[in-house]
Amino acid sequence: MSFQMNIKTLHLIIVCAFGIITFLSSCSSSKTVRENDEYNATITESIAKTKNEKELIKEAKKWLGTKYKYGGHSKSGTDCSGFVMQIYKSVYDIKLPRSSREQQEFCKKIKKSQLKIGDLVFFATGKKKGKVSHVGLYIGNGEFIHASSSKGVVISKLEQNYYIRTYHSSGRVKK
């Protein structure tokens, strides 16, 4: 009886852990957070060539550390698409659609090798395989800034295993 009870308890723990992991995978990032990395900030800003690129990076970095809030789009809490939407409105006065999938459809599809500062990177991190569920803003040097459900607004590298595995596509906003 106790052996059977232990198996049921273990099964319940595994199911709960899987549920938590699945929930956190939406709009998630790696554990590497570099919110105050001045070296990184200098490199990224030095590769920005135009006034708009520099302004975009500067505005996006003001959001670093903003907590994650599903459906949010302000510095008191934001999700990934709300963050991108607000940056584009502030810097370019462009109103992007609200969801990451709609933002992908709003963009001209480009290859990852063609990414420029301000382009959007899309990921399939949700339960529906192959469906866009996360978006980030490319800031150069192989990095993007995004709202992670576990860490809030952070900078991550596209070459991290998680983002290599979940990468879906890249797009350039039609201006």
C-alpha atoms as a PDB file:
ATOM      1  CA  MET A   1       0.000   0.000   0.000  1.00  0.00           C
ATOM      2  CA  SER A   2       2.755   2.485   0.891  1.00  0.00           C
ATOM      3  CA  PHE A   3       4.714   1.641  -2.283  1.00  0.00           C
ATOM      4  CA  GLN A   4       1.581   2.325  -4.363  1.00  0.00           C
ATOM      5  CA  MET A   5       1.015   5.592  -2.486  1.00  0.00           C
ATOM      6  CA  ASN A   6       4.581   6.724  -3.160  1.00  0.00           C
ATOM      7  CA  ILE A   7       4.196   6.091  -6.906  1.00  0.00           C
ATOM      8  CA  LYS A   8       0.972   8.132  -6.960  1.00  0.00           C
ATOM      9  CA  THR A   9       2.689  10.972  -5.072  1.00  0.00           C
ATOM     10  CA  LEU A  10       5.667  10.898  -7.422  1.00  0.00           C
ATOM     11  CA  HIS A  11       3.350  10.926 -10.439  1.00  0.00           C
ATOM     12  CA  LEU A  12       1.479  13.942  -9.026  1.00  0.00           C
ATOM     13  CA  ILE A  13       4.765  15.809  -8.452  1.00  0.00           C
ATOM     14  CA  ILE A  14       5.918  15.100 -12.024  1.00  0.00           C
ATOM     15  CA  VAL A  15       2.597  16.264 -13.493  1.00  0.00           C
ATOM     16  CA  CYS A  16       2.682  19.475 -11.427  1.00  0.00           C
ATOM     17  CA  ALA A  17       6.312  20.182 -12.364  1.00  0.00           C
ATOM     18  CA  PHE A  18       5.517  19.677 -16.058  1.00  0.00           C
ATOM     19  CA  GLY A  19       2.589  22.082 -15.758  1.00  0.00           C
ATOM     20  CA  ILE A  20       4.745  24.760 -14.148  1.00  0.00           C
ATOM     21  CA  ILE A  21       7.474  24.363 -16.789  1.00  0.00           C
ATOM     22  CA  THR A  22       4.917  24.566 -19.599  1.00  0.00           C
ATOM     23  CA  PHE A  23       3.383  27.716 -18.096  1.00  0.00           C
ATOM     24  CA  LEU A  24       6.758  29.417 -17.735  1.00  0.00           C
ATOM     25  CA  SER A  25       7.831  28.561 -21.292  1.00  0.00           C
ATOM     26  CA  SER A  26       5.465  31.156 -22.758  1.00  0.00           C
ATOM     27  CA  CYS A  27       7.351  34.443 -23.242  1.00  0.00           C
ATOM     28  CA  SER A  28      10.289  32.983 -21.386  1.00  0.00           C
ATOM     29  CA  SER A  29      14.008  33.584 -21.514  1.00  0.00           C
ATOM     30  CA  SER A  30      17.179  31.973 -20.346  1.00  0.00           C
ATOM     31  CA  LYS A  31      18.471  32.469 -16.823  1.00  0.00           C
ATOM     32  CA  THR A  32      21.161  34.879 -18.033  1.00  0.00           C
ATOM     33  CA  VAL A  33      20.080  38.424 -17.178  1.00  0.00           C
ATOM     34  CA  ARG A  34      22.370  41.306 -17.986  1.00  0.00           C
ATOM     35  CA  GLU A  35      20.314  44.278 -16.905  1.00  0.00           C
ATOM     36  CA  ASN A  36      23.203  46.527 -15.864  1.00  0.00           C
ATOM     37  CA  ASP A  37      25.994  45.281 -18.075  1.00  0.00           C
ATOM     38  CA  GLU A  38      27.693  48.540 -19.135  1.00  0.00           C
ATOM     39  CA  TYR A  39      30.124  46.704 -21.435  1.00  0.00           C
ATOM     40  CA  ASN A  40      27.194  45.176 -23.312  1.00  0.00           C
ATOM     41  CA  ALA A  41      25.369  48.518 -23.468  1.00  0.00           C
ATOM     42  CA  THR A  42      28.437  50.230 -24.935  1.00  0.00           C
ATOM     43  CA  ILE A  43      28.942  47.563 -27.609  1.00  0.00           C
ATOM     44  CA  THR A  44      25.280  47.501 -28.628  1.00  0.00           C
ATOM     45  CA  GLU A  45      24.954  51.276 -28.765  1.00  0.00           C
ATOM     46  CA  SER A  46      28.232  51.650 -30.664  1.00  0.00           C
ATOM     47  CA  ILE A  47      26.963  49.450 -33.509  1.00  0.00           C
ATOM     48  CA  ALA A  48      23.834  51.570 -33.911  1.00  0.00           C
ATOM     49  CA  LYS A  49      24.462  53.647 -37.022  1.00  0.00           C
ATOM     50  CA  THR A  50      21.423  55.885 -37.353  1.00  0.00           C
ATOM     51  CA  LYS A  51      19.749  58.268 -34.951  1.00  0.00           C
ATOM     52  CA  ASN A  52      16.625  56.061 -34.979  1.00  0.00           C
ATOM     53  CA  GLU A  53      18.632  52.924 -34.133  1.00  0.00           C
ATOM     54  CA  LYS A  54      20.318  54.680 -31.218  1.00  0.00           C
ATOM     55  CA  GLU A  55      16.976  56.041 -30.001  1.00  0.00           C
ATOM     56  CA  LEU A  56      15.355  52.607 -30.262  1.00  0.00           C
ATOM     57  CA  ILE A  57      18.108  50.944 -28.208  1.00  0.00           C
ATOM     58  CA  LYS A  58      18.077  53.744 -25.639  1.00  0.00           C
ATOM     59  CA  GLU A  59      14.279  53.561 -25.237  1.00  0.00           C
ATOM     60  CA  ALA A  60      14.214  49.758 -25.094  1.00  0.00           C
ATOM     61  CA  LYS A  61      16.919  49.659 -22.413  1.00  0.00           C
ATOM     62  CA  LYS A  62      14.850  52.006 -20.228  1.00  0.00           C
ATOM     63  CA  TRP A  63      12.472  49.045 -19.860  1.00  0.00           C
ATOM     64  CA  LEU A  64      15.114  46.617 -18.542  1.00  0.00           C
ATOM     65  CA  GLY A  65      13.934  45.055 -15.305  1.00  0.00           C
ATOM     66  CA  THR A  66      10.252  45.859 -15.941  1.00  0.00           C
ATOM     67  CA  LYS A  67       8.258  42.986 -14.471  1.00  0.00           C
ATOM     68  CA  TYR A  68       6.298  40.603 -16.667  1.00  0.00           C
ATOM     69  CA  LYS A  69       2.537  41.047 -16.727  1.00  0.00           C
ATOM     70  CA  TYR A  70       0.387  39.094 -19.169  1.00  0.00           C
ATOM     71  CA  GLY A  71      -1.605  41.591 -21.239  1.00  0.00           C
ATOM     72  CA  GLY A  72       0.437  44.507 -19.904  1.00  0.00           C
ATOM     73  CA  HIS A  73       2.097  47.189 -21.995  1.00  0.00           C
ATOM     74  CA  SER A  74       3.518  49.705 -19.533  1.00  0.00           C
ATOM     75  CA  LYS A  75       6.607  50.044 -17.366  1.00  0.00           C
ATOM     76  CA  SER A  76       4.588  48.822 -14.390  1.00  0.00           C
ATOM     77  CA  GLY A  77       4.268  45.444 -16.156  1.00  0.00           C
ATOM     78  CA  THR A  78       4.383  44.169 -19.726  1.00  0.00           C
ATOM     79  CA  ASP A  79       4.309  41.060 -21.839  1.00  0.00           C
ATOM     80  CA  CYS A  80       6.481  40.501 -24.907  1.00  0.00           C
ATOM     81  CA  SER A  81       4.172  41.909 -27.580  1.00  0.00           C
ATOM     82  CA  GLY A  82       3.062  44.810 -25.386  1.00  0.00           C
ATOM     83  CA  PHE A  83       6.699  45.780 -24.869  1.00  0.00           C
ATOM     84  CA  VAL A  84       7.498  45.696 -28.611  1.00  0.00           C
ATOM     85  CA  MET A  85       4.279  47.548 -29.414  1.00  0.00           C
ATOM     86  CA  GLN A  86       5.129  50.374 -26.979  1.00  0.00           C
ATOM     87  CA  ILE A  87       8.716  50.750 -28.217  1.00  0.00           C
ATOM     88  CA  TYR A  88       7.558  51.082 -31.845  1.00  0.00           C
ATOM     89  CA  LYS A  89       4.884  53.594 -30.871  1.00  0.00           C
ATOM     90  CA  SER A  90       7.348  55.668 -28.839  1.00  0.00           C
ATOM     91  CA  VAL A  91      10.295  55.651 -31.262  1.00  0.00           C
ATOM     92  CA  TYR A  92       8.689  55.417 -34.719  1.00  0.00           C
ATOM     93  CA  ASP A  93       5.067  56.433 -34.031  1.00  0.00           C
ATOM     94  CA  ILE A  94       3.992  53.113 -35.573  1.00  0.00           C
ATOM     95  CA  LYS A  95       1.031  51.256 -34.083  1.00  0.00           C
ATOM     96  CA  LEU A  96       1.801  47.543 -34.163  1.00  0.00           C
ATOM     97  CA  PRO A  97      -0.849  44.881 -33.606  1.00  0.00           C
ATOM     98  CA  ARG A  98      -1.177  43.587 -30.037  1.00  0.00           C
ATOM     99  CA  SER A  99      -0.206  39.906 -30.308  1.00  0.00           C
ATOM    100  CA  SER A 100       3.131  38.385 -31.335  1.00  0.00           C
ATOM    101  CA  ARG A 101       1.418  36.399 -34.117  1.00  0.00           C
ATOM    102  CA  GLU A 102      -0.230  39.524 -35.513  1.00  0.00           C
ATOM    103  CA  GLN A 103       3.066  41.407 -35.262  1.00  0.00           C
ATOM    104  CA  GLN A 104       4.712  38.667 -37.306  1.00  0.00           C
ATOM    105  CA  GLU A 105       2.035  39.016 -39.986  1.00  0.00           C
ATOM    106  CA  PHE A 106       2.549  42.807 -39.964  1.00  0.00           C
ATOM    107  CA  CYS A 107       6.240  42.364 -40.870  1.00  0.00           C
ATOM    108  CA  LYS A 108       8.063  41.614 -44.078  1.00  0.00           C
ATOM    109  CA  LYS A 109       9.730  38.233 -43.528  1.00  0.00           C
ATOM    110  CA  ILE A 110      13.546  38.348 -43.552  1.00  0.00           C
ATOM    111  CA  LYS A 111      16.314  35.814 -42.989  1.00  0.00           C
ATOM    112  CA  LYS A 112      18.033  35.696 -39.615  1.00  0.00           C
ATOM    113  CA  SER A 113      21.266  36.661 -41.383  1.00  0.00           C
ATOM    114  CA  GLN A 114      19.597  39.904 -42.573  1.00  0.00           C
ATOM    115  CA  LEU A 115      18.659  41.163 -39.098  1.00  0.00           C
ATOM    116  CA  LYS A 116      19.179  44.859 -38.414  1.00  0.00           C
ATOM    117  CA  ILE A 117      18.596  46.868 -35.260  1.00  0.00           C
ATOM    118  CA  GLY A 118      14.856  47.277 -34.772  1.00  0.00           C
ATOM    119  CA  ASP A 119      13.828  44.088 -36.561  1.00  0.00           C
ATOM    120  CA  LEU A 120      11.617  41.617 -34.725  1.00  0.00           C
ATOM    121  CA  VAL A 121      12.497  38.034 -33.855  1.00  0.00           C
ATOM    122  CA  PHE A 122       9.737  35.498 -33.323  1.00  0.00           C
ATOM    123  CA  PHE A 123       9.728  32.268 -31.359  1.00  0.00           C
ATOM    124  CA  ALA A 124       7.409  29.269 -30.998  1.00  0.00           C
ATOM    125  CA  THR A 125       7.580  28.719 -27.234  1.00  0.00           C
ATOM    126  CA  GLY A 126       4.007  27.654 -26.515  1.00  0.00           C
ATOM    127  CA  LYS A 127       2.113  24.387 -26.560  1.00  0.00           C
ATOM    128  CA  LYS A 128       1.180  24.728 -30.241  1.00  0.00           C
ATOM    129  CA  LYS A 129       4.280  23.564 -32.108  1.00  0.00           C
ATOM    130  CA  GLY A 130       5.359  25.907 -34.880  1.00  0.00           C
ATOM    131  CA  LYS A 131       3.021  28.745 -33.835  1.00  0.00           C
ATOM    132  CA  VAL A 132       4.508  32.113 -32.903  1.00  0.00           C
ATOM    133  CA  SER A 133       4.010  32.818 -29.200  1.00  0.00           C
ATOM    134  CA  HIS A 134       6.893  35.152 -28.320  1.00  0.00           C
ATOM    135  CA  VAL A 135       8.518  38.230 -29.846  1.00  0.00           C
ATOM    136  CA  GLY A 136      11.670  40.191 -29.170  1.00  0.00           C
ATOM    137  CA  LEU A 137      13.329  43.305 -30.542  1.00  0.00           C
ATOM    138  CA  TYR A 138      16.712  42.803 -32.226  1.00  0.00           C
ATOM    139  CA  ILE A 139      19.319  45.259 -30.907  1.00  0.00           C
ATOM    140  CA  GLY A 140      22.421  44.088 -32.782  1.00  0.00           C
ATOM    141  CA  ASN A 141      25.423  41.994 -31.861  1.00  0.00           C
ATOM    142  CA  GLY A 142      23.310  38.814 -31.952  1.00  0.00           C
ATOM    143  CA  GLU A 143      21.151  40.122 -29.079  1.00  0.00           C
ATOM    144  CA  PHE A 144      17.508  40.935 -28.590  1.00  0.00           C
ATOM    145  CA  ILE A 145      15.514  42.545 -25.817  1.00  0.00           C
ATOM    146  CA  HIS A 146      12.203  41.049 -24.751  1.00  0.00           C
ATOM    147  CA  ALA A 147       9.784  40.505 -21.879  1.00  0.00           C
ATOM    148  CA  SER A 148      10.385  37.115 -20.288  1.00  0.00           C
ATOM    149  CA  SER A 149       7.558  35.658 -18.192  1.00  0.00           C
ATOM    150  CA  SER A 150      10.073  34.603 -15.542  1.00  0.00           C
ATOM    151  CA  LYS A 151      12.514  37.552 -15.538  1.00  0.00           C
ATOM    152  CA  GLY A 152      10.682  40.546 -17.018  1.00  0.00           C
ATOM    153  CA  VAL A 153      12.390  42.678 -19.661  1.00  0.00           C
ATOM    154  CA  VAL A 154      15.877  41.301 -20.351  1.00  0.00           C
ATOM    155  CA  ILE A 155      18.529  41.083 -23.061  1.00  0.00           C
ATOM    156  CA  SER A 156      19.265  37.623 -24.461  1.00  0.00           C
ATOM    157  CA  LYS A 157      21.477  36.181 -27.181  1.00  0.00           C
ATOM    158  CA  LEU A 158      19.960  34.496 -30.224  1.00  0.00           C
ATOM    159  CA  GLU A 159      22.698  31.841 -30.031  1.00  0.00           C
ATOM    160  CA  GLN A 160      21.514  30.509 -26.662  1.00  0.00           C
ATOM    161  CA  ASN A 161      20.270  26.939 -27.002  1.00  0.00           C
ATOM    162  CA  TYR A 162      16.725  27.770 -25.934  1.00  0.00           C
ATOM    163  CA  TYR A 163      16.377  30.470 -28.605  1.00  0.00           C
ATOM    164  CA  ILE A 164      18.040  28.354 -31.284  1.00  0.00           C
ATOM    165  CA  ARG A 165      15.533  25.574 -30.500  1.00  0.00           C
ATOM    166  CA  THR A 166      12.434  27.816 -30.396  1.00  0.00           C
ATOM    167  CA  TYR A 167      13.354  30.342 -33.138  1.00  0.00           C
ATOM    168  CA  HIS A 168      10.529  30.690 -35.654  1.00  0.00           C
ATOM    169  CA  SER A 169      11.268  33.652 -37.939  1.00  0.00           C
ATOM    170  CA  SER A 170      12.441  37.232 -38.259  1.00  0.00           C
ATOM    171  CA  GLY A 171      10.630  40.234 -39.649  1.00  0.00           C
ATOM    172  CA  ARG A 172      11.108  43.863 -40.596  1.00  0.00           C
ATOM    173  CA  VAL A 173       8.272  46.224 -39.727  1.00  0.00           C
ATOM    174  CA  LYS A 174       6.848  47.913 -42.809  1.00  0.00           C
ATOM    175  CA  LYS A 175       7.406  51.620 -42.202  1.00  0.00           C
END
